[in-house]
């Protein structure tokens, strides 16, 4: 059908593995990064986890 799948809403680095094997176009994890004590580290950890599977 041509849809691109976006995952949003409280996505954490622990959630990323749940989507393994699904062609996710975008993860939106604003609160996970914005609300973190160290936003830069939180963003890096999310990116590293995403890179394990895609």
PDB file of N, CA and C in Angstrom:
ATOM      1  N   UNK A   1       0.817  -1.198   0.000  1.00  0.00           N
ATOM      2  CA  UNK A   1       0.000   0.000   0.000  1.00  0.00           C
ATOM      3  C   UNK A   1       0.858   1.257   0.000  1.00  0.00           C
ATOM      4  N   UNK A   2       2.154   1.122   0.228  1.00  0.00           N
ATOM      5  CA  UNK A   2       3.031   2.277   0.166  1.00  0.00           C
ATOM      6  C   UNK A   2       3.167   3.054   1.456  1.00  0.00           C
ATOM      7  N   UNK A   3       2.675   2.512   2.559  1.00  0.00           N
ATOM      8  CA  UNK A   3       2.788   3.205   3.837  1.00  0.00           C
ATOM      9  C   UNK A   3       4.211   3.149   4.366  1.00  0.00           C
ATOM     10  N   UNK A   4       4.626   4.205   5.053  1.00  0.00           N
ATOM     11  CA  UNK A   4       5.870   4.219   5.807  1.00  0.00           C
ATOM     12  C   UNK A   4       5.473   4.230   7.276  1.00  0.00           C
ATOM     13  N   UNK A   5       6.044   3.322   8.061  1.00  0.00           N
ATOM     14  CA  UNK A   5       5.650   3.153   9.459  1.00  0.00           C
ATOM     15  C   UNK A   5       6.491   4.053  10.357  1.00  0.00           C
ATOM     16  N   UNK A   6       5.800   4.814  11.195  1.00  0.00           N
ATOM     17  CA  UNK A   6       6.432   5.677  12.181  1.00  0.00           C
ATOM     18  C   UNK A   6       6.002   5.208  13.558  1.00  0.00           C
ATOM     19  N   UNK A   7       6.965   5.112  14.473  1.00  0.00           N
ATOM     20  CA  UNK A   7       6.674   4.702  15.845  1.00  0.00           C
ATOM     21  C   UNK A   7       6.859   5.927  16.732  1.00  0.00           C
ATOM     22  N   UNK A   8       5.833   6.239  17.505  1.00  0.00           N
ATOM     23  CA  UNK A   8       5.892   7.417  18.361  1.00  0.00           C
ATOM     24  C   UNK A   8       5.153   7.148  19.665  1.00  0.00           C
ATOM     25  N   UNK A   9       5.478   7.921  20.669  1.00  0.00           N
ATOM     26  CA  UNK A   9       4.752   7.836  21.933  1.00  0.00           C
ATOM     27  C   UNK A   9       5.480   7.084  23.014  1.00  0.00           C
ATOM     28  N   UNK A  10       6.401   7.750  23.678  1.00  0.00           N
ATOM     29  CA  UNK A  10       7.081   7.147  24.819  1.00  0.00           C
ATOM     30  C   UNK A  10       8.080   6.059  24.454  1.00  0.00           C
ATOM     31  N   UNK A  11       8.646   6.136  23.268  1.00  0.00           N
ATOM     32  CA  UNK A  11       9.610   5.128  22.822  1.00  0.00           C
ATOM     33  C   UNK A  11      10.893   5.243  23.638  1.00  0.00           C
ATOM     34  N   UNK A  12      11.314   4.117  24.195  1.00  0.00           N
ATOM     35  CA  UNK A  12      12.573   4.069  24.945  1.00  0.00           C
ATOM     36  C   UNK A  12      13.543   3.140  24.233  1.00  0.00           C
ATOM     37  N   UNK A  13      14.803   3.170  24.660  1.00  0.00           N
ATOM     38  CA  UNK A  13      15.786   2.288  24.013  1.00  0.00           C
ATOM     39  C   UNK A  13      15.430   0.818  24.224  1.00  0.00           C
ATOM     40  N   UNK A  14      14.753   0.507  25.311  1.00  0.00           N
ATOM     41  CA  UNK A  14      14.334  -0.871  25.569  1.00  0.00           C
ATOM     42  C   UNK A  14      13.235  -1.329  24.604  1.00  0.00           C
ATOM     43  N   UNK A  15      12.490  -0.387  24.061  1.00  0.00           N
ATOM     44  CA  UNK A  15      11.400  -0.703  23.127  1.00  0.00           C
ATOM     45  C   UNK A  15      11.888  -1.020  21.716  1.00  0.00           C
ATOM     46  N   UNK A  16      13.037  -0.516  21.356  1.00  0.00           N
ATOM     47  CA  UNK A  16      13.507  -0.613  19.974  1.00  0.00           C
ATOM     48  C   UNK A  16      13.516  -2.056  19.477  1.00  0.00           C
ATOM     49  N   UNK A  17      13.993  -2.978  20.292  1.00  0.00           N
ATOM     50  CA  UNK A  17      14.104  -4.386  19.863  1.00  0.00           C
ATOM     51  C   UNK A  17      12.749  -5.009  19.533  1.00  0.00           C
ATOM     52  N   UNK A  18      11.676  -4.450  20.060  1.00  0.00           N
ATOM     53  CA  UNK A  18      10.341  -4.982  19.783  1.00  0.00           C
ATOM     54  C   UNK A  18       9.948  -4.832  18.316  1.00  0.00           C
ATOM     55  N   UNK A  19      10.610  -3.939  17.617  1.00  0.00           N
ATOM     56  CA  UNK A  19      10.277  -3.643  16.225  1.00  0.00           C
ATOM     57  C   UNK A  19      11.246  -4.282  15.234  1.00  0.00           C
ATOM     58  N   UNK A  20      12.137  -5.124  15.744  1.00  0.00           N
ATOM     59  CA  UNK A  20      13.105  -5.815  14.882  1.00  0.00           C
ATOM     60  C   UNK A  20      12.358  -6.551  13.769  1.00  0.00           C
ATOM     61  N   UNK A  21      12.851  -6.405  12.549  1.00  0.00           N
ATOM     62  CA  UNK A  21      12.244  -7.085  11.413  1.00  0.00           C
ATOM     63  C   UNK A  21      11.119  -6.313  10.746  1.00  0.00           C
ATOM     64  N   UNK A  22      10.737  -5.194  11.317  1.00  0.00           N
ATOM     65  CA  UNK A  22       9.691  -4.349  10.736  1.00  0.00           C
ATOM     66  C   UNK A  22      10.383  -3.142  10.104  1.00  0.00           C
ATOM     67  N   UNK A  23      10.041  -2.806   8.876  1.00  0.00           N
ATOM     68  CA  UNK A  23      10.716  -1.676   8.225  1.00  0.00           C
ATOM     69  C   UNK A  23      10.208  -0.324   8.757  1.00  0.00           C
ATOM     70  N   UNK A  24      10.727   0.065   9.899  1.00  0.00           N
ATOM     71  CA  UNK A  24      10.329   1.335  10.519  1.00  0.00           C
ATOM     72  C   UNK A  24      10.995   2.486   9.776  1.00  0.00           C
ATOM     73  N   UNK A  25      10.229   3.490   9.443  1.00  0.00           N
ATOM     74  CA  UNK A  25      10.726   4.664   8.731  1.00  0.00           C
ATOM     75  C   UNK A  25      11.272   5.699   9.717  1.00  0.00           C
ATOM     76  N   UNK A  26      10.558   5.906  10.826  1.00  0.00           N
ATOM     77  CA  UNK A  26      10.957   6.908  11.822  1.00  0.00           C
ATOM     78  C   UNK A  26      10.578   6.426  13.214  1.00  0.00           C
ATOM     79  N   UNK A  27      11.488   6.631  14.172  1.00  0.00           N
ATOM     80  CA  UNK A  27      11.174   6.523  15.593  1.00  0.00           C
ATOM     81  C   UNK A  27      11.126   7.945  16.130  1.00  0.00           C
ATOM     82  N   UNK A  28      10.079   8.279  16.865  1.00  0.00           N
ATOM     83  CA  UNK A  28       9.976   9.588  17.501  1.00  0.00           C
ATOM     84  C   UNK A  28      10.050   9.358  19.000  1.00  0.00           C
ATOM     85  N   UNK A  29      11.105   9.880  19.593  1.00  0.00           N
ATOM     86  CA  UNK A  29      11.360   9.624  21.013  1.00  0.00           C
ATOM     87  C   UNK A  29      11.667  10.931  21.739  1.00  0.00           C
ATOM     88  N   UNK A  30      10.854  11.937  21.498  1.00  0.00           N
ATOM     89  CA  UNK A  30      11.102  13.258  22.063  1.00  0.00           C
ATOM     90  C   UNK A  30      11.193  13.291  23.570  1.00  0.00           C
ATOM     91  N   UNK A  31      10.219  12.717  24.242  1.00  0.00           N
ATOM     92  CA  UNK A  31      10.190  12.753  25.702  1.00  0.00           C
ATOM     93  C   UNK A  31      11.356  11.975  26.306  1.00  0.00           C
ATOM     94  N   UNK A  32      11.716  10.871  25.657  1.00  0.00           N
ATOM     95  CA  UNK A  32      12.826  10.062  26.147  1.00  0.00           C
ATOM     96  C   UNK A  32      14.115  10.871  26.135  1.00  0.00           C
ATOM     97  N   UNK A  33      14.289  11.693  25.123  1.00  0.00           N
ATOM     98  CA  UNK A  33      15.501  12.518  25.027  1.00  0.00           C
ATOM     99  C   UNK A  33      15.336  13.793  25.843  1.00  0.00           C
ATOM    100  N   UNK A  34      14.246  14.507  25.601  1.00  0.00           N
ATOM    101  CA  UNK A  34      14.018  15.798  26.259  1.00  0.00           C
ATOM    102  C   UNK A  34      13.956  15.664  27.778  1.00  0.00           C
ATOM    103  N   UNK A  35      13.339  14.595  28.265  1.00  0.00           N
ATOM    104  CA  UNK A  35      13.167  14.412  29.699  1.00  0.00           C
ATOM    105  C   UNK A  35      14.333  13.737  30.398  1.00  0.00           C
ATOM    106  N   UNK A  36      15.346  13.373  29.636  1.00  0.00           N
ATOM    107  CA  UNK A  36      16.489  12.673  30.225  1.00  0.00           C
ATOM    108  C   UNK A  36      17.378  13.628  31.013  1.00  0.00           C
ATOM    109  N   UNK A  37      18.037  13.081  32.007  1.00  0.00           N
ATOM    110  CA  UNK A  37      19.002  13.868  32.778  1.00  0.00           C
ATOM    111  C   UNK A  37      20.139  14.341  31.872  1.00  0.00           C
ATOM    112  N   UNK A  38      20.522  13.483  30.931  1.00  0.00           N
ATOM    113  CA  UNK A  38      21.569  13.815  29.966  1.00  0.00           C
ATOM    114  C   UNK A  38      21.007  13.547  28.563  1.00  0.00           C
ATOM    115  N   UNK A  39      20.372  14.542  27.953  1.00  0.00           N
ATOM    116  CA  UNK A  39      19.731  14.340  26.653  1.00  0.00           C
ATOM    117  C   UNK A  39      20.684  13.862  25.556  1.00  0.00           C
ATOM    118  N   UNK A  40      21.900  14.358  25.564  1.00  0.00           N
ATOM    119  CA  UNK A  40      22.862  13.939  24.538  1.00  0.00           C
ATOM    120  C   UNK A  40      23.161  12.443  24.651  1.00  0.00           C
ATOM    121  N   UNK A  41      23.352  11.971  25.869  1.00  0.00           N
ATOM    122  CA  UNK A  41      23.603  10.548  26.093  1.00  0.00           C
ATOM    123  C   UNK A  41      22.369   9.718  25.723  1.00  0.00           C
ATOM    124  N   UNK A  42      21.197  10.193  26.090  1.00  0.00           N
ATOM    125  CA  UNK A  42      19.960   9.474  25.764  1.00  0.00           C
ATOM    126  C   UNK A  42      19.797   9.334  24.255  1.00  0.00           C
ATOM    127  N   UNK A  43      20.085  10.394  23.511  1.00  0.00           N
ATOM    128  CA  UNK A  43      19.983  10.346  22.051  1.00  0.00           C
ATOM    129  C   UNK A  43      20.986   9.356  21.475  1.00  0.00           C
ATOM    130  N   UNK A  44      22.201   9.371  22.000  1.00  0.00           N
ATOM    131  CA  UNK A  44      23.230   8.437  21.525  1.00  0.00           C
ATOM    132  C   UNK A  44      22.831   6.992  21.800  1.00  0.00           C
ATOM    133  N   UNK A  45      22.306   6.731  22.982  1.00  0.00           N
ATOM    134  CA  UNK A  45      21.892   5.369  23.328  1.00  0.00           C
ATOM    135  C   UNK A  45      20.760   4.881  22.419  1.00  0.00           C
ATOM    136  N   UNK A  46      19.808   5.754  22.124  1.00  0.00           N
ATOM    137  CA  UNK A  46      18.731   5.394  21.196  1.00  0.00           C
ATOM    138  C   UNK A  46      19.288   5.090  19.809  1.00  0.00           C
ATOM    139  N   UNK A  47      20.163   5.954  19.339  1.00  0.00           N
ATOM    140  CA  UNK A  47      20.761   5.757  18.019  1.00  0.00           C
ATOM    141  C   UNK A  47      21.535   4.447  17.966  1.00  0.00           C
ATOM    142  N   UNK A  48      22.322   4.174  18.993  1.00  0.00           N
ATOM    143  CA  UNK A  48      23.094   2.928  19.041  1.00  0.00           C
ATOM    144  C   UNK A  48      22.175   1.708  19.009  1.00  0.00           C
ATOM    145  N   UNK A  49      21.077   1.769  19.739  1.00  0.00           N
ATOM    146  CA  UNK A  49      20.133   0.646  19.777  1.00  0.00           C
ATOM    147  C   UNK A  49      19.457   0.463  18.416  1.00  0.00           C
ATOM    148  N   UNK A  50      19.071   1.548  17.793  1.00  0.00           N
ATOM    149  CA  UNK A  50      18.466   1.480  16.457  1.00  0.00           C
ATOM    150  C   UNK A  50      19.453   0.877  15.460  1.00  0.00           C
ATOM    151  N   UNK A  51      20.700   1.286  15.557  1.00  0.00           N
ATOM    152  CA  UNK A  51      21.719   0.787  14.627  1.00  0.00           C
ATOM    153  C   UNK A  51      21.988  -0.711  14.782  1.00  0.00           C
ATOM    154  N   UNK A  52      21.629  -1.300  15.906  1.00  0.00           N
ATOM    155  CA  UNK A  52      21.783  -2.752  16.085  1.00  0.00           C
ATOM    156  C   UNK A  52      20.873  -3.529  15.137  1.00  0.00           C
ATOM    157  N   UNK A  53      19.733  -2.952  14.804  1.00  0.00           N
ATOM    158  CA  UNK A  53      18.704  -3.660  14.054  1.00  0.00           C
ATOM    159  C   UNK A  53      18.480  -3.122  12.642  1.00  0.00           C
ATOM    160  N   UNK A  54      18.914  -1.894  12.362  1.00  0.00           N
ATOM    161  CA  UNK A  54      18.695  -1.308  11.035  1.00  0.00           C
ATOM    162  C   UNK A  54      19.974  -0.743  10.495  1.00  0.00           C
TER     163      UNK A  54
END
